[in-house]
Amino acid sequence: MNIAQQIVDGVSVAGTLLLMTLGLAITFGVMKIINLAHGELIMVGAYTTYVVTSQWHLPFAVSVVCAFAVTALIGALMEWLVIRRLYGRPMETLLATFGISILLQQIVRLIFGATNKPIESPISGTLAIGEIVIPYLRLFMIAFALALLAVTALILYKTKFGMLVRTVSQNRKMSECLGINTTRIDLLTFAWGAGLTGTAGAVLSPLRNVAPTMGVDYMIDSFMTIVLGGVGSLPGTIAGSAIMGEASQLLTYFGGETGAKIIVFLIVIVLIRFKPEGLIKMESR
């Protein structure tokens, strides 16, 4: 029963990973932007939730919407002021987004201080199935991640905007020749990915105290999940989240947290060695 509990907990961890990698699947997977400020966008979403729920005393659902709006606006400003001038220059983009991550951390420290901010969980209680116990908050996160994934896939593959996003990401010069406003598509796409990231920060904020440096761990796990599953592939993001979640939870149970992290890193390195495109390669024409 202990192993069964760990497997169930691994599913909840996989849902958490899926939630925090969806935004990166857009900005990194589709746009090919190495955004080292991804963790800080999660942090901004979490602080937005703190302000809305703890200081304004509004419902948690309102904070999720506000987190999307705030981080989407920050993402649009990032693309407009910095990233737009760095397409096709990955090293410069990496350094620029790293600088933005430090800037966001220091701004949050100036406004809220360096102390952690607790956020009350919007859902309490647990579901017991025999000896297996599942918190309702974890179930909500899994359901929310799947719903957000469905909406993202619907927009990306079933709408005109999604078609334009995929067109620009595959062949920017040809898209410009066809009359597509690639500058506008880039701005909206990056804002969309940033908004998804902020939404993840809002939903994940009750799990741990909100702090200026909370985004670092989220960023590392997000990039590992995307690279493992396959850059630009939503099915790959799902597969990467499932493998990372179950592996980290089971290995933590048997070998401790430190040993689990080492083994998970080794698994990712080995898989990338033999499948550098990831588990599920993005199909393109």
Protein backbone atom coordinates (compact mmCIF):
# COMPACT_ATOMS: atom_id res chain seq x y z
CA MET A 1 0.00 0.00 0.00
CA ASN A 2 2.94 2.35 0.58
CA ILE A 3 4.08 1.84 -3.01
CA ALA A 4 0.52 2.39 -4.25
CA GLN A 5 0.40 5.64 -2.29
CA GLN A 6 3.67 6.74 -3.88
CA ILE A 7 2.32 5.96 -7.37
CA VAL A 8 -0.78 8.04 -6.68
CA ASP A 9 1.40 10.84 -5.30
CA GLY A 10 3.51 10.57 -8.44
CA VAL A 11 0.40 11.25 -10.53
CA SER A 12 -0.22 14.43 -8.54
CA VAL A 13 3.42 15.49 -9.00
CA ALA A 14 3.07 14.81 -12.74
CA GLY A 15 -0.02 17.06 -12.79
CA THR A 16 1.98 19.77 -11.06
CA LEU A 17 4.80 19.46 -13.61
CA LEU A 18 2.34 19.56 -16.50
CA LEU A 19 0.78 22.69 -15.08
CA MET A 20 4.05 24.59 -14.76
CA THR A 21 5.46 23.47 -18.14
CA LEU A 22 2.52 24.42 -20.37
CA GLY A 23 3.64 28.04 -20.64
CA LEU A 24 7.19 26.93 -21.40
CA ALA A 25 5.84 24.57 -24.07
CA ILE A 26 4.65 27.71 -25.90
CA THR A 27 7.58 30.10 -25.36
CA PHE A 28 10.37 27.49 -25.63
CA GLY A 29 8.74 24.62 -27.51
CA VAL A 30 6.91 26.64 -30.17
CA MET A 31 8.79 29.97 -30.28
CA LYS A 32 12.25 28.46 -29.55
CA ILE A 33 12.94 31.17 -26.94
CA ILE A 34 15.13 30.04 -24.03
CA ASN A 35 13.30 31.99 -21.34
CA LEU A 36 15.30 31.83 -18.11
CA ALA A 37 12.69 34.11 -16.52
CA HIS A 38 10.11 31.29 -16.66
CA GLY A 39 10.44 30.57 -12.94
CA GLU A 40 10.07 34.26 -12.10
CA LEU A 41 6.82 34.43 -14.11
CA ILE A 42 5.54 31.59 -11.92
CA MET A 43 6.66 33.62 -8.91
CA VAL A 44 4.83 36.73 -10.17
CA GLY A 45 1.67 34.68 -10.61
CA ALA A 46 2.01 33.41 -7.05
CA TYR A 47 2.51 36.93 -5.64
CA THR A 48 -0.49 38.14 -7.63
CA THR A 49 -2.53 35.43 -5.90
CA TYR A 50 -1.18 36.57 -2.53
CA VAL A 51 -2.25 40.16 -3.18
CA VAL A 52 -5.70 39.24 -4.49
CA THR A 53 -6.58 36.64 -1.85
CA SER A 54 -4.72 37.86 1.27
CA GLN A 55 -4.78 41.64 0.85
CA TRP A 56 -7.85 42.29 -1.30
CA HIS A 57 -9.75 39.29 0.16
CA LEU A 58 -11.18 38.25 -3.19
CA PRO A 59 -11.97 34.64 -4.22
CA PHE A 60 -9.19 32.35 -5.38
CA ALA A 61 -10.74 32.06 -8.85
CA VAL A 62 -10.35 35.82 -9.29
CA SER A 63 -6.67 35.55 -8.40
CA VAL A 64 -6.13 32.95 -11.14
CA VAL A 65 -7.60 35.30 -13.76
CA CYS A 66 -5.56 38.23 -12.40
CA ALA A 67 -2.37 36.14 -12.44
CA PHE A 68 -2.93 35.34 -16.12
CA ALA A 69 -3.54 39.02 -16.95
CA VAL A 70 -0.53 40.33 -15.00
CA THR A 71 2.00 37.82 -16.34
CA ALA A 72 0.63 38.08 -19.88
CA LEU A 73 1.22 41.83 -19.69
CA ILE A 74 4.76 41.29 -18.38
CA GLY A 75 5.38 38.75 -21.15
CA ALA A 76 4.15 41.20 -23.79
CA LEU A 77 6.49 43.88 -22.42
CA MET A 78 9.40 41.40 -22.41
CA GLU A 79 8.78 40.49 -26.05
CA TRP A 80 8.23 44.09 -27.14
CA LEU A 81 11.19 45.67 -25.33
CA VAL A 82 13.82 42.90 -25.41
CA ILE A 83 13.13 39.58 -27.11
CA ARG A 84 11.86 41.04 -30.38
CA ARG A 85 15.37 42.26 -31.16
CA LEU A 86 17.01 38.92 -30.37
CA TYR A 87 15.23 36.33 -32.54
CA GLY A 88 17.73 33.91 -34.02
CA ARG A 89 20.35 34.80 -31.39
CA PRO A 90 19.90 32.18 -28.64
CA MET A 91 22.88 33.16 -26.48
CA GLU A 92 21.85 36.81 -26.33
CA THR A 93 18.26 35.78 -25.57
CA LEU A 94 19.45 33.51 -22.78
CA LEU A 95 21.48 36.29 -21.17
CA ALA A 96 18.69 38.84 -21.60
CA THR A 97 16.03 36.65 -19.98
CA PHE A 98 18.44 35.78 -17.16
CA GLY A 99 18.82 39.49 -16.51
CA ILE A 100 15.03 39.90 -16.55
CA SER A 101 14.70 37.09 -14.00
CA ILE A 102 17.07 38.88 -11.61
CA LEU A 103 15.23 42.17 -12.19
CA LEU A 104 11.85 40.60 -11.37
CA GLN A 105 13.25 39.03 -8.20
CA GLN A 106 14.64 42.34 -6.96
CA ILE A 107 11.42 44.23 -7.78
CA VAL A 108 9.42 41.70 -5.77
CA ARG A 109 11.88 42.00 -2.87
CA LEU A 110 11.49 45.79 -2.88
CA ILE A 111 7.69 45.59 -2.88
CA PHE A 112 7.00 42.60 -0.60
CA GLY A 113 10.27 42.06 1.25
CA ALA A 114 12.35 38.89 1.44
CA THR A 115 10.13 37.01 3.91
CA ASN A 116 7.91 34.18 2.74
CA LYS A 117 4.19 34.83 2.26
CA PRO A 118 1.74 32.03 3.10
CA ILE A 119 -1.39 31.53 1.01
CA GLU A 120 -4.37 29.69 2.43
CA SER A 121 -5.43 26.65 0.45
CA PRO A 122 -8.75 27.20 -1.35
CA ILE A 123 -9.63 23.50 -1.03
CA SER A 124 -9.19 21.45 2.13
CA GLY A 125 -9.78 17.83 3.01
CA THR A 126 -8.66 14.52 1.57
CA LEU A 127 -10.15 11.66 -0.41
CA ALA A 128 -9.51 8.23 1.13
CA ILE A 129 -9.61 5.13 -1.07
CA GLY A 130 -8.79 2.28 1.28
CA GLU A 131 -5.41 3.20 2.74
CA ILE A 132 -4.58 5.59 -0.10
CA VAL A 133 -5.12 9.25 0.75
CA ILE A 134 -5.33 11.99 -1.89
CA PRO A 135 -5.69 15.68 -0.94
CA TYR A 136 -8.53 17.42 -2.74
CA LEU A 137 -6.13 20.26 -3.60
CA ARG A 138 -3.95 17.83 -5.56
CA LEU A 139 -7.00 16.48 -7.39
CA PHE A 140 -7.98 20.04 -8.27
CA MET A 141 -4.49 20.74 -9.64
CA ILE A 142 -4.57 17.61 -11.81
CA ALA A 143 -8.01 18.49 -13.17
CA PHE A 144 -7.00 22.12 -13.74
CA ALA A 145 -3.79 21.06 -15.55
CA LEU A 146 -5.73 18.73 -17.86
CA ALA A 147 -8.34 21.42 -18.56
CA LEU A 148 -5.63 23.98 -19.31
CA LEU A 149 -3.90 21.45 -21.58
CA ALA A 150 -7.16 20.85 -23.48
CA VAL A 151 -7.73 24.59 -23.96
CA THR A 152 -4.11 25.07 -25.09
CA ALA A 153 -4.35 22.22 -27.62
CA LEU A 154 -7.69 23.57 -28.87
CA ILE A 155 -6.24 27.03 -29.45
CA LEU A 156 -3.02 25.73 -30.98
CA TYR A 157 -4.52 23.18 -33.39
CA LYS A 158 -8.13 24.22 -33.99
CA THR A 159 -8.08 28.01 -34.34
CA LYS A 160 -6.77 30.42 -36.95
CA PHE A 161 -4.49 32.02 -34.37
CA GLY A 162 -2.97 28.63 -33.55
CA MET A 163 -2.40 27.94 -37.23
CA LEU A 164 -0.61 31.27 -37.57
CA VAL A 165 1.51 30.54 -34.50
CA ARG A 166 2.63 27.20 -35.93
CA THR A 167 3.22 28.73 -39.35
CA VAL A 168 5.44 31.51 -38.02
CA SER A 169 7.37 29.11 -35.77
CA GLN A 170 8.16 26.77 -38.68
CA ASN A 171 9.04 29.31 -41.39
CA ARG A 172 9.15 32.96 -40.40
CA LYS A 173 10.40 34.36 -43.73
CA MET A 174 7.79 32.51 -45.78
CA SER A 175 5.10 33.67 -43.36
CA GLU A 176 6.16 37.28 -43.92
CA CYS A 177 6.06 36.75 -47.68
CA LEU A 178 2.49 35.48 -47.34
CA GLY A 179 1.48 38.70 -45.59
CA ILE A 180 1.30 37.40 -42.02
CA ASN A 181 2.08 40.02 -39.40
CA THR A 182 4.77 37.99 -37.64
CA THR A 183 5.56 40.77 -35.18
CA ARG A 184 1.99 40.75 -33.87
CA ILE A 185 1.88 36.94 -33.74
CA ASP A 186 5.16 36.85 -31.78
CA LEU A 187 3.85 39.37 -29.25
CA LEU A 188 0.54 37.54 -28.70
CA THR A 189 2.20 34.12 -28.54
CA PHE A 190 4.77 35.12 -25.93
CA ALA A 191 2.09 36.90 -23.89
CA TRP A 192 -0.06 33.77 -24.08
CA GLY A 193 2.77 31.54 -22.88
CA ALA A 194 3.64 33.96 -20.08
CA GLY A 195 -0.02 34.09 -19.02
CA LEU A 196 -0.19 30.29 -18.81
CA THR A 197 2.94 30.37 -16.66
CA GLY A 198 1.42 32.94 -14.31
CA THR A 199 -1.74 30.84 -14.03
CA ALA A 200 0.42 27.90 -12.97
CA GLY A 201 2.01 30.09 -10.29
CA ALA A 202 -1.42 31.03 -8.97
CA VAL A 203 -2.62 27.43 -8.73
CA LEU A 204 0.66 26.15 -7.28
CA SER A 205 1.00 28.93 -4.68
CA PRO A 206 -0.92 27.12 -1.88
CA LEU A 207 1.58 24.24 -2.00
CA ARG A 208 4.45 26.27 -0.58
CA ASN A 209 5.16 29.69 0.87
CA VAL A 210 5.55 32.38 -1.76
CA ALA A 211 9.09 33.79 -1.92
CA PRO A 212 11.19 35.82 -4.39
CA THR A 213 13.44 32.82 -5.17
CA MET A 214 10.70 30.19 -5.47
CA GLY A 215 10.91 30.14 -9.27
CA VAL A 216 14.41 28.63 -9.48
CA ASP A 217 13.35 25.04 -8.74
CA TYR A 218 10.29 25.37 -10.94
CA MET A 219 12.43 26.56 -13.86
CA ILE A 220 14.86 23.63 -13.65
CA ASP A 221 12.10 21.02 -13.46
CA SER A 222 10.17 22.69 -16.29
CA PHE A 223 13.12 22.70 -18.71
CA MET A 224 13.99 19.09 -17.86
CA THR A 225 10.38 18.02 -18.52
CA ILE A 226 10.19 19.86 -21.86
CA VAL A 227 13.52 18.52 -23.11
CA LEU A 228 12.72 14.98 -21.97
CA GLY A 229 9.28 14.90 -23.59
CA GLY A 230 10.21 16.66 -26.81
CA VAL A 231 10.53 20.36 -27.57
CA GLY A 232 7.39 21.74 -29.19
CA SER A 233 5.27 18.62 -28.65
CA LEU A 234 2.25 18.77 -26.33
CA PRO A 235 2.04 14.94 -26.16
CA GLY A 236 5.73 15.01 -25.30
CA THR A 237 5.04 17.48 -22.50
CA ILE A 238 2.47 15.07 -21.08
CA ALA A 239 4.86 12.11 -21.35
CA GLY A 240 7.75 14.06 -19.83
CA SER A 241 5.58 15.21 -16.92
CA ALA A 242 4.36 11.66 -16.24
CA ILE A 243 7.87 10.16 -16.29
CA MET A 244 9.41 12.93 -14.21
CA GLY A 245 6.59 12.88 -11.67
CA GLU A 246 6.50 9.13 -11.12
CA ALA A 247 10.28 8.70 -11.21
CA SER A 248 10.97 11.46 -8.71
CA GLN A 249 8.26 10.29 -6.31
CA LEU A 250 9.16 6.58 -6.36
CA LEU A 251 12.90 7.24 -6.21
CA THR A 252 12.42 9.63 -3.29
CA TYR A 253 10.53 6.89 -1.44
CA PHE A 254 13.27 4.32 -1.97
CA GLY A 255 16.43 6.42 -1.96
CA GLY A 256 15.71 9.81 -0.41
CA GLU A 257 15.26 13.20 -2.03
CA THR A 258 18.92 13.84 -2.87
CA GLY A 259 19.46 10.44 -4.42
CA ALA A 260 16.22 10.77 -6.37
CA LYS A 261 17.32 14.06 -7.93
CA ILE A 262 20.65 12.56 -8.98
CA ILE A 263 19.03 9.50 -10.55
CA VAL A 264 16.39 11.58 -12.35
CA PHE A 265 19.13 13.78 -13.82
CA LEU A 266 20.98 10.67 -15.00
CA ILE A 267 17.80 9.26 -16.58
CA VAL A 268 17.23 12.50 -18.48
CA ILE A 269 20.87 12.61 -19.66
CA VAL A 270 20.75 9.00 -20.91
CA LEU A 271 17.45 9.49 -22.73
CA ILE A 272 18.67 12.69 -24.39
CA ARG A 273 21.88 10.90 -25.40
CA PHE A 274 19.94 8.30 -27.41
CA LYS A 275 16.90 10.44 -28.32
CA PRO A 276 18.12 14.05 -28.57
CA GLU A 277 14.78 15.18 -30.02
CA GLY A 278 12.96 13.90 -26.90
CA LEU A 279 10.51 11.08 -26.39
CA ILE A 280 7.96 12.43 -28.88
CA LYS A 281 9.31 14.41 -31.79
CA MET A 282 7.28 17.34 -33.10
CA GLU A 283 6.03 16.67 -36.61
CA SER A 284 6.45 19.51 -39.10
CA ARG A 285 6.14 20.06 -42.82
